[in-house]
């Protein structure tokens, strides 16, 4: 089974959204709604089990990360903050190379002198729906790359964009769900690191958007 197909399975388990694969790297996302997202959020503190990637063993997919932020903008603008390189660079990486199509690159760089490390080089978009959803593979920083970046599949990020119910001003809730965490002390350390990182970066995104 390909890494892309496995990512589809994990996304379906987390969100209740079925991925439809026509040909390799050509996926279509069936309609989802806030109810399915709520179900995904409820899994935040639950343990997911999935077939291991090799050797016939099983690994634990534990403590899915979930963070959310409310932005003072419409869903289109919020979606662009994750898909337009220049906008991503304003709040997240030093350099972005994102191709917002299924199978396209989702590469973010935090060290421009050494792009092989502290980056998501090689990561791909696994699902996308305009102004509603983008999903992509993820790699860890240099201190965790030994195990995170060789995992099969890689950890996986799903970002949902949900319009808020507010009067007189556009509003979008952004939900980030980061899955694929294995069950070991080193993986738990990496999960806690990314937990802090997502919280801090989404707060930076909120400050940037709300200041406009």
Protein backbone atom coordinates (compact mmCIF):
# COMPACT_ATOMS: atom_id res chain seq x y z
CA UNK A 1 0.00 0.00 0.00
CA UNK A 2 1.34 3.43 -0.90
CA UNK A 3 2.05 6.13 1.70
CA UNK A 4 -0.67 8.24 0.11
CA UNK A 5 -3.24 5.47 0.52
CA UNK A 6 -2.25 4.96 4.15
CA UNK A 7 -2.60 8.68 4.79
CA UNK A 8 -6.11 8.45 3.34
CA UNK A 9 -6.95 5.67 5.79
CA UNK A 10 -5.66 7.69 8.75
CA UNK A 11 -7.58 10.79 7.65
CA UNK A 12 -10.74 8.72 7.33
CA UNK A 13 -10.26 7.29 10.82
CA UNK A 14 -9.68 10.70 12.35
CA UNK A 15 -12.34 12.69 10.53
CA UNK A 16 -14.90 10.19 9.33
CA UNK A 17 -14.25 11.53 5.81
CA UNK A 18 -13.76 8.88 3.17
CA UNK A 19 -11.02 9.44 0.61
CA UNK A 20 -11.72 8.24 -2.92
CA UNK A 21 -8.63 7.24 -4.90
CA UNK A 22 -9.02 7.12 -8.66
CA UNK A 23 -5.34 6.86 -9.61
CA UNK A 24 -2.19 7.33 -7.53
CA UNK A 25 -2.02 10.88 -6.10
CA UNK A 26 -5.39 11.77 -7.59
CA UNK A 27 -7.86 11.90 -4.72
CA UNK A 28 -11.27 13.45 -4.23
CA UNK A 29 -12.63 14.41 -0.84
CA UNK A 30 -16.27 13.72 -0.16
CA UNK A 31 -18.32 16.44 1.46
CA UNK A 32 -17.66 16.85 5.16
CA UNK A 33 -19.34 19.00 7.79
CA UNK A 34 -18.89 20.36 11.28
CA UNK A 35 -20.33 17.18 12.81
CA UNK A 36 -17.51 15.14 11.34
CA UNK A 37 -14.99 17.68 12.56
CA UNK A 38 -16.48 17.50 16.05
CA UNK A 39 -16.01 13.73 15.96
CA UNK A 40 -12.38 14.27 15.00
CA UNK A 41 -11.82 16.63 17.92
CA UNK A 42 -13.25 14.09 20.36
CA UNK A 43 -10.41 11.74 19.41
CA UNK A 44 -7.83 14.17 20.74
CA UNK A 45 -7.20 12.19 23.95
CA UNK A 46 -8.02 8.74 22.65
CA UNK A 47 -5.65 6.06 21.44
CA UNK A 48 -5.86 5.00 17.83
CA UNK A 49 -4.36 1.73 16.66
CA UNK A 50 -3.26 1.08 13.11
CA UNK A 51 -1.26 -1.59 11.25
CA UNK A 52 2.46 -1.04 11.49
CA UNK A 53 4.21 -0.06 8.30
CA UNK A 54 6.56 -3.02 8.17
CA UNK A 55 7.22 -6.39 9.77
CA UNK A 56 3.58 -7.18 10.39
CA UNK A 57 3.62 -5.48 13.80
CA UNK A 58 1.19 -2.90 15.10
CA UNK A 59 1.97 0.58 16.39
CA UNK A 60 -0.08 2.94 18.53
CA UNK A 61 -1.35 6.22 17.13
CA UNK A 62 -1.69 8.14 20.37
CA UNK A 63 -2.96 11.54 21.47
CA UNK A 64 -3.84 13.20 18.20
CA UNK A 65 -2.97 16.91 18.41
CA UNK A 66 -5.78 19.36 17.92
CA UNK A 67 -5.45 23.15 17.95
CA UNK A 68 -7.83 25.82 16.78
CA UNK A 69 -7.80 29.55 16.27
CA UNK A 70 -10.50 32.07 15.33
CA UNK A 71 -9.47 34.53 12.64
CA UNK A 72 -11.11 37.81 11.67
CA UNK A 73 -11.27 36.98 7.98
CA UNK A 74 -13.34 34.91 5.61
CA UNK A 75 -12.59 31.25 4.84
CA UNK A 76 -10.95 32.13 1.55
CA UNK A 77 -8.35 34.33 3.24
CA UNK A 78 -7.76 31.79 6.01
CA UNK A 79 -7.25 29.07 3.40
CA UNK A 80 -4.76 31.28 1.56
CA UNK A 81 -2.71 31.69 4.75
CA UNK A 82 -1.89 27.96 4.44
CA UNK A 83 -1.62 27.71 0.65
CA UNK A 84 -0.05 30.92 -0.72
CA UNK A 85 3.72 30.92 -0.27
CA UNK A 86 4.11 34.62 0.47
CA UNK A 87 1.33 34.55 3.07
CA UNK A 88 2.73 31.43 4.75
CA UNK A 89 6.14 33.11 4.98
CA UNK A 90 4.58 36.04 6.80
CA UNK A 91 3.74 33.91 9.86
CA UNK A 92 5.20 30.40 9.67
CA UNK A 93 8.39 29.35 7.80
CA UNK A 94 11.21 31.46 6.42
CA UNK A 95 10.51 29.99 2.99
CA UNK A 96 7.54 28.07 1.58
CA UNK A 97 7.20 25.94 -1.52
CA UNK A 98 3.56 24.89 -1.61
CA UNK A 99 1.69 23.59 -4.63
CA UNK A 100 -2.00 23.57 -3.58
CA UNK A 101 -3.04 20.49 -5.55
CA UNK A 102 -3.24 16.86 -4.49
CA UNK A 103 0.24 15.40 -4.82
CA UNK A 104 1.77 18.88 -4.88
CA UNK A 105 4.64 19.91 -2.63
CA UNK A 106 4.06 21.11 0.92
CA UNK A 107 7.59 22.13 1.74
CA UNK A 108 8.39 24.63 4.50
CA UNK A 109 11.92 25.70 5.40
CA UNK A 110 13.27 27.21 8.62
CA UNK A 111 17.00 27.10 7.71
CA UNK A 112 17.73 28.53 4.29
CA UNK A 113 21.37 27.44 4.47
CA UNK A 114 20.45 23.79 4.98
CA UNK A 115 17.13 22.89 3.42
CA UNK A 116 17.46 19.18 4.17
CA UNK A 117 17.00 19.77 7.89
CA UNK A 118 14.42 21.71 9.89
CA UNK A 119 12.08 21.53 6.95
CA UNK A 120 9.22 19.51 5.49
CA UNK A 121 11.13 18.87 2.27
CA UNK A 122 9.57 16.03 0.30
CA UNK A 123 6.16 16.36 1.97
CA UNK A 124 3.06 16.35 -0.24
CA UNK A 125 -0.51 17.58 -0.20
CA UNK A 126 -2.76 14.56 0.35
CA UNK A 127 -6.19 16.22 0.09
CA UNK A 128 -7.52 19.68 -0.64
CA UNK A 129 -10.89 21.38 -1.02
CA UNK A 130 -10.91 25.07 -1.81
CA UNK A 131 -11.53 27.24 1.27
CA UNK A 132 -12.52 24.19 3.35
CA UNK A 133 -9.67 21.75 3.86
CA UNK A 134 -6.01 21.04 3.18
CA UNK A 135 -4.12 17.95 4.34
CA UNK A 136 -0.42 17.30 4.04
CA UNK A 137 2.45 15.16 5.29
CA UNK A 138 4.74 16.48 7.99
CA UNK A 139 8.37 16.07 9.07
CA UNK A 140 10.00 16.94 12.38
CA UNK A 141 12.80 19.33 13.35
CA UNK A 142 16.41 18.19 13.42
CA UNK A 143 16.26 16.83 16.97
CA UNK A 144 13.50 14.37 15.99
CA UNK A 145 14.26 13.76 12.32
CA UNK A 146 16.00 10.41 12.97
CA UNK A 147 12.67 8.70 13.61
CA UNK A 148 10.00 11.18 12.47
CA UNK A 149 11.33 11.73 8.98
CA UNK A 150 11.90 8.06 8.20
CA UNK A 151 8.49 6.93 9.49
CA UNK A 152 6.22 5.27 6.96
CA UNK A 153 3.82 6.94 6.72
CA UNK A 154 4.95 10.30 7.97
CA UNK A 155 2.82 12.16 10.49
CA UNK A 156 -0.09 13.91 8.86
CA UNK A 157 -1.74 17.32 9.25
CA UNK A 158 -5.36 18.15 8.40
CA UNK A 159 -6.47 21.78 8.46
CA UNK A 160 -10.18 22.63 8.41
CA UNK A 161 -11.64 26.09 7.73
CA UNK A 162 -15.09 26.67 9.21
CA UNK A 163 -17.00 29.97 8.88
CA UNK A 164 -17.97 31.46 12.26
CA UNK A 165 -21.37 32.81 13.18
CA UNK A 166 -20.54 36.42 13.97
CA UNK A 167 -22.43 39.56 13.05
CA UNK A 168 -21.03 42.39 10.95
CA UNK A 169 -17.57 40.87 10.40
CA UNK A 170 -16.08 37.86 8.61
CA UNK A 171 -14.81 35.11 10.88
CA UNK A 172 -13.25 31.68 10.32
CA UNK A 173 -12.31 28.95 12.76
CA UNK A 174 -9.15 27.12 11.74
CA UNK A 175 -8.73 23.62 13.17
CA UNK A 176 -5.38 21.85 12.90
CA UNK A 177 -5.34 18.09 13.55
CA UNK A 178 -1.90 16.46 13.59
CA UNK A 179 -1.97 12.65 13.65
CA UNK A 180 0.36 9.71 13.22
CA UNK A 181 2.17 9.74 16.57
CA UNK A 182 3.74 6.43 17.60
CA UNK A 183 3.88 5.08 21.13
CA UNK A 184 7.37 5.56 22.59
CA UNK A 185 9.17 8.05 24.82
CA UNK A 186 10.97 9.74 21.93
CA UNK A 187 7.75 10.06 19.94
CA UNK A 188 5.99 11.51 22.97
CA UNK A 189 8.76 14.11 23.33
CA UNK A 190 8.33 15.04 19.66
CA UNK A 191 4.54 15.21 20.07
CA UNK A 192 4.86 17.59 23.02
CA UNK A 193 7.31 19.76 21.03
CA UNK A 194 4.91 20.01 18.08
CA UNK A 195 2.03 20.62 20.45
CA UNK A 196 3.77 23.76 21.73
CA UNK A 197 4.89 24.76 18.25
CA UNK A 198 1.40 24.60 16.74
CA UNK A 199 -0.03 26.61 19.63
CA UNK A 200 2.60 29.34 19.25
CA UNK A 201 2.45 29.49 15.46
CA UNK A 202 -1.33 29.67 15.31
CA UNK A 203 -1.26 32.51 17.80
CA UNK A 204 1.20 34.29 15.49
CA UNK A 205 -1.23 33.69 12.62
CA UNK A 206 -4.09 35.16 14.65
CA UNK A 207 -2.09 38.28 15.50
CA UNK A 208 -1.12 38.78 11.87
CA UNK A 209 -4.62 38.36 10.46
CA UNK A 210 -6.41 40.31 13.16
CA UNK A 211 -4.02 43.25 12.81
CA UNK A 212 -5.04 43.85 9.18
